[in-house]
Amino acid sequence: MSKVAVLKPPNQPLYEDDCVVEGLDYPLITDGRYEAVLTSYETSTRFCKKGKSSKIRDGGKIYFHFHIDPYNNAGVGNEKVVVFMAFNAKEINMPAGKNGKFKVGARSNYAKLFSKLFPGDAKRQRRSPKNLLKKLFMVRVRTVRINEKQKPLAEYEKYSVVDEIIDFG
């Protein structure tokens, strides 16, 4: 049997330029109510099926990205914390991504949110999430503890999401 040398981290050089990690990291913050500003939205073809044409996908997701506690009133800290809120889409227009176009149902959570925030003017306002950008909201944040296959997440894999937009801030 041969001897195996164990490399100790301090003696090993640290390489840092071979990989770039893209996208937003999912932070974990304490569950509760926070002030939040909608900074951006994007569409995604995750959970999509091929659509009627090459420019449309059936299903998909819409992600709102919120800057949580922008004025540090809840004591989250000075570091910018961005948490997302997901909505189901009926169709995603290609190309998907930042400021993507989509179709939702009249009784979808997306449409219901606009009815709640803009009573009487929801049908006009809901035509674009851009009508919510840079506005202050009161949101409820929760921790995701299971994955899409209903398997429990390890402690280091847990992350926070915006579960509900309660009202304008």
Protein backbone atom coordinates (compact mmCIF):
# COMPACT_ATOMS: atom_id res chain seq x y z
CA MET A 1 0.00 0.00 0.00
CA SER A 2 1.41 3.39 -0.96
CA LYS A 3 1.48 6.37 1.32
CA VAL A 4 -0.87 9.22 0.52
CA ALA A 5 0.30 12.77 1.12
CA VAL A 6 -2.32 15.11 2.50
CA LEU A 7 -2.08 18.62 1.13
CA LYS A 8 -2.68 21.30 3.72
CA PRO A 9 -4.46 24.42 2.50
CA PRO A 10 -1.83 26.95 3.72
CA ASN A 11 0.92 25.22 1.67
CA GLN A 12 -1.25 25.03 -1.44
CA PRO A 13 -1.40 28.05 -3.79
CA LEU A 14 -4.79 29.71 -4.24
CA TYR A 15 -5.93 29.94 -7.86
CA GLU A 16 -8.61 32.53 -8.59
CA ASP A 17 -8.82 33.25 -12.31
CA ASP A 18 -10.14 30.08 -13.97
CA CYS A 19 -13.86 30.45 -13.31
CA VAL A 20 -16.42 33.24 -13.36
CA VAL A 21 -19.62 32.64 -11.40
CA GLU A 22 -22.48 34.49 -13.08
CA GLY A 23 -25.90 35.45 -11.83
CA LEU A 24 -27.26 36.46 -8.47
CA ASP A 25 -26.35 34.54 -5.35
CA TYR A 26 -29.40 33.71 -3.25
CA PRO A 27 -28.94 35.30 0.18
CA LEU A 28 -30.43 34.02 3.42
CA ILE A 29 -31.96 36.60 5.75
CA THR A 30 -34.33 36.34 8.70
CA ASP A 31 -37.98 35.70 7.81
CA GLY A 32 -40.23 38.72 8.30
CA ARG A 33 -41.53 41.97 6.88
CA TYR A 34 -39.15 44.36 5.14
CA GLU A 35 -39.15 47.48 3.04
CA ALA A 36 -38.01 46.62 -0.48
CA VAL A 37 -37.48 48.33 -3.83
CA LEU A 38 -38.11 46.48 -7.09
CA THR A 39 -34.83 46.90 -9.00
CA SER A 40 -35.39 44.68 -12.05
CA TYR A 41 -37.33 41.78 -13.53
CA GLU A 42 -36.52 39.00 -15.94
CA THR A 43 -38.22 36.14 -17.74
CA SER A 44 -36.91 32.59 -17.73
CA THR A 45 -37.56 29.50 -19.81
CA ARG A 46 -37.15 27.29 -16.76
CA PHE A 47 -40.07 24.84 -16.61
CA CYS A 48 -41.01 25.71 -20.23
CA LYS A 49 -42.24 23.55 -23.06
CA LYS A 50 -41.82 24.27 -26.75
CA GLY A 51 -44.43 26.73 -27.94
CA LYS A 52 -46.41 27.24 -31.10
CA SER A 53 -43.45 28.93 -32.76
CA SER A 54 -39.71 29.26 -32.22
CA LYS A 55 -40.27 32.72 -30.68
CA ILE A 56 -42.68 31.56 -27.94
CA ARG A 57 -42.32 29.04 -25.11
CA ASP A 58 -45.29 27.66 -23.14
CA GLY A 59 -44.96 28.16 -19.40
CA GLY A 60 -41.90 29.67 -17.76
CA LYS A 61 -41.16 32.05 -14.94
CA ILE A 62 -41.09 35.77 -14.26
CA TYR A 63 -38.63 36.87 -11.55
CA PHE A 64 -38.90 40.19 -9.71
CA HIS A 65 -35.64 41.23 -8.01
CA PHE A 66 -36.04 43.27 -4.81
CA HIS A 67 -33.40 45.25 -2.92
CA ILE A 68 -34.34 44.35 0.66
CA ASP A 69 -34.15 47.01 3.39
CA PRO A 70 -32.61 49.70 1.14
CA TYR A 71 -32.53 52.28 3.96
CA ASN A 72 -31.29 49.79 6.61
CA ASN A 73 -34.35 50.39 8.81
CA ALA A 74 -34.51 46.67 9.71
CA GLY A 75 -30.77 46.39 10.30
CA VAL A 76 -30.00 43.99 7.44
CA GLY A 77 -26.71 45.83 6.94
CA ASN A 78 -24.99 48.07 4.43
CA GLU A 79 -24.39 45.29 1.90
CA LYS A 80 -27.03 45.24 -0.87
CA VAL A 81 -29.32 42.23 -0.39
CA VAL A 82 -31.30 41.22 -3.50
CA VAL A 83 -34.07 38.64 -3.09
CA PHE A 84 -36.40 37.41 -5.85
CA MET A 85 -40.11 36.71 -6.17
CA ALA A 86 -41.24 34.19 -8.80
CA PHE A 87 -44.43 34.15 -10.85
CA ASN A 88 -45.69 31.56 -13.32
CA ALA A 89 -46.11 32.67 -16.93
CA LYS A 90 -48.47 31.27 -19.54
CA GLU A 91 -46.00 32.09 -22.32
CA ILE A 92 -42.51 33.55 -22.57
CA ASN A 93 -41.52 35.46 -25.69
CA MET A 94 -37.99 34.80 -26.87
CA PRO A 95 -35.41 35.98 -26.16
CA ALA A 96 -35.99 35.47 -22.44
CA GLY A 97 -34.03 37.49 -19.93
CA LYS A 98 -33.92 40.98 -18.47
CA ASN A 99 -37.07 42.99 -19.28
CA GLY A 100 -38.47 40.04 -21.26
CA LYS A 101 -41.99 39.90 -22.61
CA PHE A 102 -44.55 37.37 -21.40
CA LYS A 103 -48.21 36.42 -21.15
CA VAL A 104 -50.06 35.56 -17.91
CA GLY A 105 -53.59 34.45 -17.11
CA ALA A 106 -56.24 36.88 -15.87
CA ARG A 107 -56.46 34.95 -12.56
CA SER A 108 -52.70 34.44 -12.16
CA ASN A 109 -50.80 35.60 -9.07
CA TYR A 110 -49.19 38.29 -11.22
CA ALA A 111 -52.59 39.69 -12.27
CA LYS A 112 -53.97 39.40 -8.72
CA LEU A 113 -50.99 41.35 -7.37
CA PHE A 114 -51.76 44.29 -9.66
CA SER A 115 -55.46 44.16 -8.69
CA LYS A 116 -54.38 44.40 -5.05
CA LEU A 117 -51.90 47.26 -5.60
CA PHE A 118 -53.94 49.25 -8.14
CA PRO A 119 -57.66 48.76 -7.46
CA GLY A 120 -59.59 50.19 -10.38
CA ASP A 121 -56.52 50.65 -12.60
CA ALA A 122 -55.04 47.12 -12.53
CA LYS A 123 -55.83 46.21 -16.14
CA ARG A 124 -53.76 49.11 -17.44
CA GLN A 125 -50.95 48.91 -14.86
CA ARG A 126 -50.36 45.14 -15.16
CA ARG A 127 -49.35 45.38 -18.79
CA SER A 128 -45.75 45.92 -17.69
CA PRO A 129 -43.74 45.25 -14.52
CA LYS A 130 -41.88 48.46 -15.38
CA ASN A 131 -44.78 50.26 -13.65
CA LEU A 132 -43.44 48.86 -10.34
CA LEU A 133 -39.72 49.54 -10.85
CA LYS A 134 -37.96 51.76 -8.30
CA LYS A 135 -41.03 51.86 -6.04
CA LEU A 136 -40.89 51.14 -2.30
CA PHE A 137 -42.94 48.17 -1.05
CA MET A 138 -43.56 46.35 2.18
CA VAL A 139 -42.83 42.65 1.53
CA ARG A 140 -42.88 39.39 3.46
CA VAL A 141 -39.71 37.30 3.15
CA ARG A 142 -39.56 33.56 3.88
CA THR A 143 -36.86 30.88 3.79
CA VAL A 144 -36.88 28.17 1.11
CA ARG A 145 -36.22 24.88 2.89
CA ILE A 146 -37.04 22.31 0.14
CA ASN A 147 -36.05 22.12 -3.53
CA GLU A 148 -38.30 21.73 -6.59
CA LYS A 149 -38.27 17.94 -6.06
CA GLN A 150 -39.55 18.38 -2.48
CA LYS A 151 -36.22 17.26 -1.01
CA PRO A 152 -34.93 19.13 2.07
CA LEU A 153 -32.11 21.60 1.46
CA ALA A 154 -28.92 21.46 3.50
CA GLU A 155 -28.39 24.41 5.83
CA TYR A 156 -25.89 26.07 3.45
CA GLU A 157 -28.33 25.69 0.50
CA LYS A 158 -31.28 27.50 2.11
CA TYR A 159 -32.15 30.92 0.74
CA SER A 160 -34.74 33.68 1.12
CA VAL A 161 -37.48 34.70 -1.31
CA VAL A 162 -40.13 37.40 -1.31
CA ASP A 163 -43.32 35.48 -0.59
CA GLU A 164 -45.77 38.36 -0.74
CA ILE A 165 -45.95 42.03 -1.58
CA ILE A 166 -48.05 43.40 1.25
CA ASP A 167 -48.40 47.03 0.15
CA PHE A 168 -46.61 50.10 -1.04
CA GLY A 169 -44.00 51.12 1.59
